[in-house]
PDB file of all heavy atoms in Angstrom:
ATOM      1  N   ALA A   1      48.135  97.000 -39.056  1.00  0.00           N
ATOM      2  CA  ALA A   1      47.346  97.224 -37.848  1.00  0.00           C
ATOM      3  C   ALA A   1      47.439  95.995 -36.963  1.00  0.00           C
ATOM      4  O   ALA A   1      47.910  94.933 -37.375  1.00  0.00           O
ATOM      5  CB  ALA A   1      45.891  97.519 -38.218  1.00  0.00           C
ATOM      6  N   LYS A   2      46.979  96.135 -35.750  1.00  0.00           N
ATOM      7  CA  LYS A   2      46.951  94.977 -34.858  1.00  0.00           C
ATOM      8  C   LYS A   2      46.023  93.921 -35.414  1.00  0.00           C
ATOM      9  O   LYS A   2      45.071  94.220 -36.135  1.00  0.00           O
ATOM     10  CB  LYS A   2      46.491  95.401 -33.461  1.00  0.00           C
ATOM     11  CG  LYS A   2      47.497  96.288 -32.726  1.00  0.00           C
ATOM     12  CD  LYS A   2      47.011  96.616 -31.340  1.00  0.00           C
ATOM     13  CE  LYS A   2      48.028  97.477 -30.592  1.00  0.00           C
ATOM     14  NZ  LYS A   2      47.564  97.824 -29.235  1.00  0.00           N
ATOM     15  N   ALA A   3      46.315  92.684 -35.085  1.00  0.00           N
ATOM     16  CA  ALA A   3      45.487  91.580 -35.572  1.00  0.00           C
ATOM     17  C   ALA A   3      44.045  91.786 -35.140  1.00  0.00           C
ATOM     18  O   ALA A   3      43.766  92.131 -33.987  1.00  0.00           O
ATOM     19  CB  ALA A   3      46.007  90.255 -35.023  1.00  0.00           C
ATOM     20  N   PRO A   4      43.074  91.615 -36.047  1.00  0.00           N
ATOM     21  CA  PRO A   4      41.671  91.836 -35.728  1.00  0.00           C
ATOM     22  C   PRO A   4      41.124  90.736 -34.826  1.00  0.00           C
ATOM     23  O   PRO A   4      41.754  89.706 -34.620  1.00  0.00           O
ATOM     24  CB  PRO A   4      40.984  91.790 -37.096  1.00  0.00           C
ATOM     25  CG  PRO A   4      41.861  90.873 -37.892  1.00  0.00           C
ATOM     26  CD  PRO A   4      43.265  91.137 -37.419  1.00  0.00           C
ATOM     27  N   LYS A   5      39.957  90.987 -34.292  1.00  0.00           N
ATOM     28  CA  LYS A   5      39.286  89.959 -33.504  1.00  0.00           C
ATOM     29  C   LYS A   5      38.947  88.778 -34.402  1.00  0.00           C
ATOM     30  O   LYS A   5      38.719  88.940 -35.591  1.00  0.00           O
ATOM     31  CB  LYS A   5      38.006  90.533 -32.874  1.00  0.00           C
ATOM     32  CG  LYS A   5      38.282  91.605 -31.831  1.00  0.00           C
ATOM     33  CD  LYS A   5      36.978  92.091 -31.229  1.00  0.00           C
ATOM     34  CE  LYS A   5      37.271  93.148 -30.162  1.00  0.00           C
ATOM     35  NZ  LYS A   5      36.013  93.651 -29.557  1.00  0.00           N
ATOM     36  N   PRO A   6      38.919  87.572 -33.838  1.00  0.00           N
ATOM     37  CA  PRO A   6      38.623  86.391 -34.666  1.00  0.00           C
ATOM     38  C   PRO A   6      37.311  86.522 -35.416  1.00  0.00           C
ATOM     39  O   PRO A   6      36.315  86.990 -34.873  1.00  0.00           O
ATOM     40  CB  PRO A   6      38.566  85.258 -33.641  1.00  0.00           C
ATOM     41  CG  PRO A   6      39.400  85.741 -32.503  1.00  0.00           C
ATOM     42  CD  PRO A   6      39.173  87.235 -32.454  1.00  0.00           C
ATOM     43  N   ILE A   7      37.332  86.106 -36.688  1.00  0.00           N
ATOM     44  CA  ILE A   7      36.145  86.149 -37.538  1.00  0.00           C
ATOM     45  C   ILE A   7      35.888  84.743 -38.041  1.00  0.00           C
ATOM     46  O   ILE A   7      36.741  84.140 -38.696  1.00  0.00           O
ATOM     47  CB  ILE A   7      36.342  87.091 -38.734  1.00  0.00           C
ATOM     48  CG1 ILE A   7      36.671  88.498 -38.230  1.00  0.00           C
ATOM     49  CG2 ILE A   7      35.103  87.117 -39.620  1.00  0.00           C
ATOM     50  CD1 ILE A   7      37.026  89.456 -39.340  1.00  0.00           C
ATOM     51  N   GLY A   8      34.747  84.210 -37.719  1.00  0.00           N
ATOM     52  CA  GLY A   8      34.408  82.880 -38.199  1.00  0.00           C
ATOM     53  C   GLY A   8      35.141  81.809 -37.408  1.00  0.00           C
ATOM     54  O   GLY A   8      35.674  82.038 -36.313  1.00  0.00           O
ATOM     55  N   GLU A   9      35.221  80.637 -37.945  1.00  0.00           N
ATOM     56  CA  GLU A   9      35.811  79.494 -37.270  1.00  0.00           C
ATOM     57  C   GLU A   9      37.322  79.652 -37.158  1.00  0.00           C
ATOM     58  O   GLU A   9      38.018  79.914 -38.118  1.00  0.00           O
ATOM     59  CB  GLU A   9      35.482  78.215 -38.051  1.00  0.00           C
ATOM     60  CG  GLU A   9      35.952  76.959 -37.332  1.00  0.00           C
ATOM     61  CD  GLU A   9      35.569  75.716 -38.115  1.00  0.00           C
ATOM     62  OE1 GLU A   9      34.902  75.853 -39.150  1.00  0.00           O
ATOM     63  OE2 GLU A   9      35.935  74.628 -37.661  1.00  0.00           O
ATOM     64  N   ASN A  10      37.837  79.511 -35.947  1.00  0.00           N
ATOM     65  CA  ASN A  10      39.276  79.606 -35.674  1.00  0.00           C
ATOM     66  C   ASN A  10      39.866  80.961 -36.052  1.00  0.00           C
ATOM     67  O   ASN A  10      41.066  81.077 -36.272  1.00  0.00           O
ATOM     68  CB  ASN A  10      40.052  78.503 -36.409  1.00  0.00           C
ATOM     69  CG  ASN A  10      39.632  77.120 -35.931  1.00  0.00           C
ATOM     70  OD1 ASN A  10      39.330  76.956 -34.739  1.00  0.00           O
ATOM     71  ND2 ASN A  10      39.593  76.169 -36.826  1.00  0.00           N
ATOM     72  N   GLY A  11      38.996  81.980 -36.155  1.00  0.00           N
ATOM     73  CA  GLY A  11      39.507  83.306 -36.484  1.00  0.00           C
ATOM     74  C   GLY A  11      40.015  83.421 -37.884  1.00  0.00           C
ATOM     75  O   GLY A  11      40.816  84.296 -38.182  1.00  0.00           O
ATOM     76  N   LEU A  12      39.572  82.553 -38.789  1.00  0.00           N
ATOM     77  CA  LEU A  12      40.021  82.572 -40.173  1.00  0.00           C
ATOM     78  C   LEU A  12      38.902  83.016 -41.089  1.00  0.00           C
ATOM     79  O   LEU A  12      37.727  82.864 -40.778  1.00  0.00           O
ATOM     80  CB  LEU A  12      40.512  81.186 -40.594  1.00  0.00           C
ATOM     81  CG  LEU A  12      41.735  80.669 -39.809  1.00  0.00           C
ATOM     82  CD1 LEU A  12      42.030  79.245 -40.234  1.00  0.00           C
ATOM     83  CD2 LEU A  12      42.934  81.545 -40.042  1.00  0.00           C
ATOM     84  N   VAL A  13      39.277  83.579 -42.224  1.00  0.00           N
ATOM     85  CA  VAL A  13      38.314  84.087 -43.188  1.00  0.00           C
ATOM     86  C   VAL A  13      38.410  83.269 -44.460  1.00  0.00           C
ATOM     87  O   VAL A  13      39.514  83.049 -44.979  1.00  0.00           O
ATOM     88  CB  VAL A  13      38.585  85.576 -43.501  1.00  0.00           C
ATOM     89  CG1 VAL A  13      37.563  86.077 -44.508  1.00  0.00           C
ATOM     90  CG2 VAL A  13      38.533  86.399 -42.224  1.00  0.00           C
ATOM     91  N   GLU A  14      37.284  82.797 -44.962  1.00  0.00           N
ATOM     92  CA  GLU A  14      37.279  82.061 -46.210  1.00  0.00           C
ATOM     93  C   GLU A  14      37.498  83.020 -47.381  1.00  0.00           C
ATOM     94  O   GLU A  14      36.871  84.062 -47.459  1.00  0.00           O
ATOM     95  CB  GLU A  14      35.939  81.342 -46.401  1.00  0.00           C
ATOM     96  CG  GLU A  14      35.754  80.145 -45.475  1.00  0.00           C
ATOM     97  CD  GLU A  14      36.634  78.975 -45.871  1.00  0.00           C
ATOM     98  OE1 GLU A  14      37.088  78.964 -47.039  1.00  0.00           O
ATOM     99  OE2 GLU A  14      36.890  78.114 -45.029  1.00  0.00           O
ATOM    100  N   CYS A  15      38.389  82.693 -48.272  1.00  0.00           N
ATOM    101  CA  CYS A  15      38.669  83.546 -49.429  1.00  0.00           C
ATOM    102  C   CYS A  15      39.037  82.661 -50.613  1.00  0.00           C
ATOM    103  O   CYS A  15      40.133  82.102 -50.660  1.00  0.00           O
ATOM    104  CB  CYS A  15      39.805  84.520 -49.119  1.00  0.00           C
ATOM    105  SG  CYS A  15      40.196  85.620 -50.472  1.00  0.00           S
ATOM    106  N   ARG A  16      38.099  82.508 -51.570  1.00  0.00           N
ATOM    107  CA  ARG A  16      38.332  81.709 -52.770  1.00  0.00           C
ATOM    108  C   ARG A  16      38.777  80.291 -52.422  1.00  0.00           C
ATOM    109  O   ARG A  16      39.728  79.738 -52.968  1.00  0.00           O
ATOM    110  CB  ARG A  16      39.369  82.373 -53.672  1.00  0.00           C
ATOM    111  CG  ARG A  16      38.892  83.704 -54.233  1.00  0.00           C
ATOM    112  CD  ARG A  16      39.912  84.274 -55.200  1.00  0.00           C
ATOM    113  NE  ARG A  16      39.458  85.548 -55.741  1.00  0.00           N
ATOM    114  CZ  ARG A  16      40.159  86.291 -56.589  1.00  0.00           C
ATOM    115  NH1 ARG A  16      41.344  85.870 -57.000  1.00  0.00           N
ATOM    116  NH2 ARG A  16      39.681  87.433 -57.041  1.00  0.00           N
ATOM    117  N   GLY A  17      38.088  79.700 -51.445  1.00  0.00           N
ATOM    118  CA  GLY A  17      38.376  78.318 -51.079  1.00  0.00           C
ATOM    119  C   GLY A  17      39.573  78.156 -50.170  1.00  0.00           C
ATOM    120  O   GLY A  17      39.881  77.056 -49.739  1.00  0.00           O
ATOM    121  N   GLU A  18      40.284  79.238 -49.862  1.00  0.00           N
ATOM    122  CA  GLU A  18      41.426  79.145 -48.984  1.00  0.00           C
ATOM    123  C   GLU A  18      41.152  79.963 -47.742  1.00  0.00           C
ATOM    124  O   GLU A  18      40.308  80.865 -47.725  1.00  0.00           O
ATOM    125  CB  GLU A  18      42.693  79.667 -49.679  1.00  0.00           C
ATOM    126  CG  GLU A  18      43.075  78.855 -50.915  1.00  0.00           C
ATOM    127  CD  GLU A  18      44.324  79.411 -51.552  1.00  0.00           C
ATOM    128  OE1 GLU A  18      44.821  80.434 -51.046  1.00  0.00           O
ATOM    129  OE2 GLU A  18      44.802  78.822 -52.529  1.00  0.00           O
ATOM    130  N   GLN A  19      41.863  79.649 -46.679  1.00  0.00           N
ATOM    131  CA  GLN A  19      41.708  80.368 -45.428  1.00  0.00           C
ATOM    132  C   GLN A  19      42.938  81.237 -45.203  1.00  0.00           C
ATOM    133  O   GLN A  19      44.065  80.793 -45.354  1.00  0.00           O
ATOM    134  CB  GLN A  19      41.537  79.392 -44.263  1.00  0.00           C
ATOM    135  CG  GLN A  19      40.190  78.663 -44.273  1.00  0.00           C
ATOM    136  CD  GLN A  19      40.038  77.805 -43.045  1.00  0.00           C
ATOM    137  OE1 GLN A  19      41.001  77.264 -42.541  1.00  0.00           O
ATOM    138  NE2 GLN A  19      38.825  77.703 -42.561  1.00  0.00           N
ATOM    139  N   ARG A  20      42.704  82.471 -44.821  1.00  0.00           N
ATOM    140  CA  ARG A  20      43.818  83.363 -44.550  1.00  0.00           C
ATOM    141  C   ARG A  20      43.393  84.357 -43.490  1.00  0.00           C
ATOM    142  O   ARG A  20      42.202  84.633 -43.305  1.00  0.00           O
ATOM    143  CB  ARG A  20      44.250  84.127 -45.812  1.00  0.00           C
ATOM    144  CG  ARG A  20      43.203  85.057 -46.352  1.00  0.00           C
ATOM    145  CD  ARG A  20      43.732  85.837 -47.552  1.00  0.00           C
ATOM    146  NE  ARG A  20      42.713  86.705 -48.099  1.00  0.00           N
ATOM    147  CZ  ARG A  20      42.426  87.932 -47.638  1.00  0.00           C
ATOM    148  NH1 ARG A  20      43.085  88.388 -46.594  1.00  0.00           N
ATOM    149  NH2 ARG A  20      41.489  88.670 -48.201  1.00  0.00           N
ATOM    150  N   LEU A  21      44.339  84.889 -42.782  1.00  0.00           N
ATOM    151  CA  LEU A  21      44.057  85.924 -41.799  1.00  0.00           C
ATOM    152  C   LEU A  21      43.877  87.258 -42.508  1.00  0.00           C
ATOM    153  O   LEU A  21      44.638  87.604 -43.390  1.00  0.00           O
ATOM    154  CB  LEU A  21      45.216  86.033 -40.791  1.00  0.00           C
ATOM    155  CG  LEU A  21      45.305  84.907 -39.756  1.00  0.00           C
ATOM    156  CD1 LEU A  21      46.597  85.044 -38.971  1.00  0.00           C
ATOM    157  CD2 LEU A  21      44.112  84.924 -38.820  1.00  0.00           C
ATOM    158  N   ARG A  22      42.886  87.993 -42.098  1.00  0.00           N
ATOM    159  CA  ARG A  22      42.661  89.312 -42.677  1.00  0.00           C
ATOM    160  C   ARG A  22      43.513  90.322 -41.923  1.00  0.00           C
ATOM    161  O   ARG A  22      43.403  90.474 -40.720  1.00  0.00           O
ATOM    162  CB  ARG A  22      41.175  89.686 -42.564  1.00  0.00           C
ATOM    163  CG  ARG A  22      40.854  91.061 -43.152  1.00  0.00           C
ATOM    164  CD  ARG A  22      39.439  91.491 -42.828  1.00  0.00           C
ATOM    165  NE  ARG A  22      38.474  90.576 -43.392  1.00  0.00           N
ATOM    166  CZ  ARG A  22      37.169  90.614 -43.088  1.00  0.00           C
ATOM    167  NH1 ARG A  22      36.729  91.493 -42.224  1.00  0.00           N
ATOM    168  NH2 ARG A  22      36.334  89.761 -43.638  1.00  0.00           N
ATOM    169  N   ARG A  23      44.368  91.025 -42.671  1.00  0.00           N
ATOM    170  CA  ARG A  23      45.224  92.031 -42.068  1.00  0.00           C
ATOM    171  C   ARG A  23      45.027  93.355 -42.796  1.00  0.00           C
ATOM    172  O   ARG A  23      44.982  93.405 -44.014  1.00  0.00           O
ATOM    173  CB  ARG A  23      46.700  91.626 -42.163  1.00  0.00           C
ATOM    174  CG  ARG A  23      47.061  90.377 -41.404  1.00  0.00           C
ATOM    175  CD  ARG A  23      46.754  90.504 -39.917  1.00  0.00           C
ATOM    176  NE  ARG A  23      47.494  91.578 -39.305  1.00  0.00           N
ATOM    177  CZ  ARG A  23      48.722  91.439 -38.804  1.00  0.00           C
ATOM    178  NH1 ARG A  23      49.349  90.283 -38.869  1.00  0.00           N
ATOM    179  NH2 ARG A  23      49.331  92.467 -38.229  1.00  0.00           N
ATOM    180  N   GLU A  24      44.939  94.426 -42.035  1.00  0.00           N
ATOM    181  CA  GLU A  24      44.811  95.765 -42.600  1.00  0.00           C
ATOM    182  C   GLU A  24      46.044  96.566 -42.227  1.00  0.00           C
ATOM    183  O   GLU A  24      46.706  96.288 -41.235  1.00  0.00           O
ATOM    184  CB  GLU A  24      43.570  96.468 -42.038  1.00  0.00           C
ATOM    185  CG  GLU A  24      42.248  95.950 -42.530  1.00  0.00           C
ATOM    186  CD  GLU A  24      41.097  96.732 -41.935  1.00  0.00           C
ATOM    187  OE1 GLU A  24      41.015  96.818 -40.696  1.00  0.00           O
ATOM    188  OE2 GLU A  24      40.291  97.285 -42.699  1.00  0.00           O
ATOM    189  N   SER A  25      46.336  97.568 -43.036  1.00  0.00           N
ATOM    190  CA  SER A  25      47.394  98.491 -42.637  1.00  0.00           C
ATOM    191  C   SER A  25      46.833  99.465 -41.616  1.00  0.00           C
ATOM    192  O   SER A  25      45.619  99.644 -41.496  1.00  0.00           O
ATOM    193  CB  SER A  25      47.927  99.244 -43.852  1.00  0.00           C
ATOM    194  OG  SER A  25      46.961 100.176 -44.315  1.00  0.00           O
ATOM    195  N   LEU A  26      47.734 100.061 -40.869  1.00  0.00           N
ATOM    196  CA  LEU A  26      47.323 100.996 -39.828  1.00  0.00           C
ATOM    197  C   LEU A  26      46.567 102.183 -40.421  1.00  0.00           C
ATOM    198  O   LEU A  26      45.596 102.677 -39.833  1.00  0.00           O
ATOM    199  CB  LEU A  26      48.556 101.482 -39.062  1.00  0.00           C
ATOM    200  CG  LEU A  26      48.310 102.253 -37.767  1.00  0.00           C
ATOM    201  CD1 LEU A  26      47.616 101.365 -36.749  1.00  0.00           C
ATOM    202  CD2 LEU A  26      49.625 102.769 -37.211  1.00  0.00           C
ATOM    203  N   VAL A  27      47.004 102.621 -41.602  1.00  0.00           N
ATOM    204  CA  VAL A  27      46.352 103.759 -42.256  1.00  0.00           C
ATOM    205  C   VAL A  27      44.941 103.399 -42.711  1.00  0.00           C
ATOM    206  O   VAL A  27      44.022 104.215 -42.630  1.00  0.00           O
ATOM    207  CB  VAL A  27      47.204 104.234 -43.450  1.00  0.00           C
ATOM    208  CG1 VAL A  27      46.453 105.249 -44.287  1.00  0.00           C
ATOM    209  CG2 VAL A  27      48.515 104.822 -42.962  1.00  0.00           C
ATOM    210  N   GLU A  28      44.757 102.166 -43.193  1.00  0.00           N
ATOM    211  CA  GLU A  28      43.426 101.742 -43.625  1.00  0.00           C
ATOM    212  C   GLU A  28      42.458 101.670 -42.458  1.00  0.00           C
ATOM    213  O   GLU A  28      41.277 102.000 -42.598  1.00  0.00           O
ATOM    214  CB  GLU A  28      43.514 100.373 -44.308  1.00  0.00           C
ATOM    215  CG  GLU A  28      44.176 100.403 -45.672  1.00  0.00           C
ATOM    216  CD  GLU A  28      44.322  99.020 -46.266  1.00  0.00           C
ATOM    217  OE1 GLU A  28      44.387  98.044 -45.492  1.00  0.00           O
ATOM    218  OE2 GLU A  28      44.379  98.918 -47.502  1.00  0.00           O
ATOM    219  N   LYS A  29      42.954 101.252 -41.319  1.00  0.00           N
ATOM    220  CA  LYS A  29      42.079 101.098 -40.154  1.00  0.00           C
ATOM    221  C   LYS A  29      41.797 102.429 -39.471  1.00  0.00           C
ATOM    222  O   LYS A  29      40.700 102.653 -38.955  1.00  0.00           O
ATOM    223  CB  LYS A  29      42.727 100.134 -39.160  1.00  0.00           C
ATOM    224  CG  LYS A  29      41.787  99.680 -38.049  1.00  0.00           C
ATOM    225  CD  LYS A  29      42.404  98.556 -37.256  1.00  0.00           C
ATOM    226  CE  LYS A  29      41.415  98.049 -36.199  1.00  0.00           C
ATOM    227  NZ  LYS A  29      41.992  96.932 -35.413  1.00  0.00           N
ATOM    228  N   HIS A  30      42.779 103.318 -39.480  1.00  0.00           N
ATOM    229  CA  HIS A  30      42.627 104.624 -38.813  1.00  0.00           C
ATOM    230  C   HIS A  30      43.042 105.716 -39.808  1.00  0.00           C
ATOM    231  O   HIS A  30      44.195 106.163 -39.817  1.00  0.00           O
ATOM    232  CB  HIS A  30      43.477 104.693 -37.552  1.00  0.00           C
ATOM    233  CG  HIS A  30      43.220 103.585 -36.574  1.00  0.00           C
ATOM    234  ND1 HIS A  30      42.080 103.509 -35.809  1.00  0.00           N
ATOM    235  CD2 HIS A  30      43.962 102.481 -36.272  1.00  0.00           C
ATOM    236  CE1 HIS A  30      42.118 102.432 -35.043  1.00  0.00           C
ATOM    237  NE2 HIS A  30      43.248 101.790 -35.308  1.00  0.00           N
ATOM    238  N   ALA A  31      42.100 106.145 -40.624  1.00  0.00           N
ATOM    239  CA  ALA A  31      42.412 107.112 -41.686  1.00  0.00           C
ATOM    240  C   ALA A  31      42.877 108.448 -41.127  1.00  0.00           C
ATOM    241  O   ALA A  31      43.594 109.190 -41.818  1.00  0.00           O
ATOM    242  CB  ALA A  31      41.190 107.318 -42.581  1.00  0.00           C
ATOM    243  N   VAL A  32      42.496 108.769 -39.889  1.00  0.00           N
ATOM    244  CA  VAL A  32      42.891 110.056 -39.316  1.00  0.00           C
ATOM    245  C   VAL A  32      44.409 110.182 -39.217  1.00  0.00           C
ATOM    246  O   VAL A  32      44.952 111.305 -39.227  1.00  0.00           O
ATOM    247  CB  VAL A  32      42.233 110.244 -37.926  1.00  0.00           C
ATOM    248  CG1 VAL A  32      42.812 109.267 -36.910  1.00  0.00           C
ATOM    249  CG2 VAL A  32      42.390 111.670 -37.436  1.00  0.00           C
ATOM    250  N   ILE A  33      45.110 109.041 -39.158  1.00  0.00           N
ATOM    251  CA  ILE A  33      46.571 109.073 -39.040  1.00  0.00           C
ATOM    252  C   ILE A  33      47.193 109.772 -40.242  1.00  0.00           C
ATOM    253  O   ILE A  33      48.179 110.505 -40.107  1.00  0.00           O
ATOM    254  CB  ILE A  33      47.121 107.636 -38.910  1.00  0.00           C
ATOM    255  CG1 ILE A  33      46.674 107.035 -37.580  1.00  0.00           C
ATOM    256  CG2 ILE A  33      48.642 107.614 -39.017  1.00  0.00           C
ATOM    257  CD1 ILE A  33      47.055 105.587 -37.406  1.00  0.00           C
ATOM    258  N   ILE A  34      46.620 109.571 -41.416  1.00  0.00           N
ATOM    259  CA  ILE A  34      47.204 110.162 -42.619  1.00  0.00           C
ATOM    260  C   ILE A  34      47.044 111.677 -42.612  1.00  0.00           C
ATOM    261  O   ILE A  34      47.899 112.405 -43.131  1.00  0.00           O
ATOM    262  CB  ILE A  34      46.587 109.550 -43.900  1.00  0.00           C
ATOM    263  CG1 ILE A  34      47.607 109.620 -45.059  1.00  0.00           C
ATOM    264  CG2 ILE A  34      45.299 110.212 -44.302  1.00  0.00           C
ATOM    265  CD1 ILE A  34      48.818 108.771 -44.859  1.00  0.00           C
ATOM    266  N   TYR A  35      45.975 112.182 -41.993  1.00  0.00           N
ATOM    267  CA  TYR A  35      45.795 113.634 -41.903  1.00  0.00           C
ATOM    268  C   TYR A  35      46.792 114.235 -40.908  1.00  0.00           C
ATOM    269  O   TYR A  35      47.345 115.316 -41.151  1.00  0.00           O
ATOM    270  CB  TYR A  35      44.367 113.957 -41.484  1.00  0.00           C
ATOM    271  CG  TYR A  35      43.331 113.463 -42.464  1.00  0.00           C
ATOM    272  CD1 TYR A  35      42.552 112.352 -42.186  1.00  0.00           C
ATOM    273  CD2 TYR A  35      43.136 114.095 -43.690  1.00  0.00           C
ATOM    274  CE1 TYR A  35      41.605 111.886 -43.087  1.00  0.00           C
ATOM    275  CE2 TYR A  35      42.202 113.639 -44.600  1.00  0.00           C
ATOM    276  CZ  TYR A  35      41.436 112.530 -44.294  1.00  0.00           C
ATOM    277  OH  TYR A  35      40.515 112.068 -45.197  1.00  0.00           O
ATOM    278  N   ILE A  36      47.003 113.527 -39.808  1.00  0.00           N
ATOM    279  CA  ILE A  36      48.005 113.983 -38.838  1.00  0.00           C
ATOM    280  C   ILE A  36      49.387 113.984 -39.478  1.00  0.00           C
ATOM    281  O   ILE A  36      50.163 114.938 -39.330  1.00  0.00           O
ATOM    282  CB  ILE A  36      47.981 113.090 -37.585  1.00  0.00           C
ATOM    283  CG1 ILE A  36      46.630 113.202 -36.883  1.00  0.00           C
ATOM    284  CG2 ILE A  36      49.114 113.469 -36.635  1.00  0.00           C
ATOM    285  CD1 ILE A  36      46.452 112.220 -35.736  1.00  0.00           C
ATOM    286  N   TYR A  37      49.688 112.909 -40.207  1.00  0.00           N
ATOM    287  CA  TYR A  37      50.979 112.847 -40.894  1.00  0.00           C
ATOM    288  C   TYR A  37      51.097 113.963 -41.931  1.00  0.00           C
ATOM    289  O   TYR A  37      52.166 114.565 -42.079  1.00  0.00           O
ATOM    290  CB  TYR A  37      51.159 111.488 -41.574  1.00  0.00           C
ATOM    291  CG  TYR A  37      52.374 111.453 -42.469  1.00  0.00           C
ATOM    292  CD1 TYR A  37      53.643 111.285 -41.930  1.00  0.00           C
ATOM    293  CD2 TYR A  37      52.269 111.627 -43.855  1.00  0.00           C
ATOM    294  CE1 TYR A  37      54.775 111.292 -42.744  1.00  0.00           C
ATOM    295  CE2 TYR A  37      53.385 111.628 -44.670  1.00  0.00           C
ATOM    296  CZ  TYR A  37      54.637 111.463 -44.111  1.00  0.00           C
ATOM    297  OH  TYR A  37      55.752 111.475 -44.907  1.00  0.00           O
ATOM    298  N   GLY A  38      50.012 114.236 -42.648  1.00  0.00           N
ATOM    299  CA  GLY A  38      50.044 115.281 -43.658  1.00  0.00           C
ATOM    300  C   GLY A  38      50.451 116.626 -43.083  1.00  0.00           C
ATOM    301  O   GLY A  38      51.275 117.344 -43.662  1.00  0.00           O
ATOM    302  N   PHE A  39      49.886 116.958 -41.929  1.00  0.00           N
ATOM    303  CA  PHE A  39      50.231 118.239 -41.294  1.00  0.00           C
ATOM    304  C   PHE A  39      51.673 118.213 -40.787  1.00  0.00           C
ATOM    305  O   PHE A  39      52.449 119.147 -41.020  1.00  0.00           O
ATOM    306  CB  PHE A  39      49.277 118.527 -40.135  1.00  0.00           C
ATOM    307  CG  PHE A  39      49.493 119.859 -39.489  1.00  0.00           C
ATOM    308  CD1 PHE A  39      48.912 121.005 -40.021  1.00  0.00           C
ATOM    309  CD2 PHE A  39      50.289 119.984 -38.356  1.00  0.00           C
ATOM    310  CE1 PHE A  39      49.114 122.251 -39.427  1.00  0.00           C
ATOM    311  CE2 PHE A  39      50.498 121.216 -37.764  1.00  0.00           C
ATOM    312  CZ  PHE A  39      49.905 122.352 -38.295  1.00  0.00           C
TER     313      PHE A  39
END
């Protein structure tokens, strides 16, 4: 999916002491796409 809006400081997310950008797949963000694809 497109990069999300910044979260927290500098748009980074704390994860187990490390900083990383949170990225989702297009299907995870817009579940309706999988139904359209199914048809």
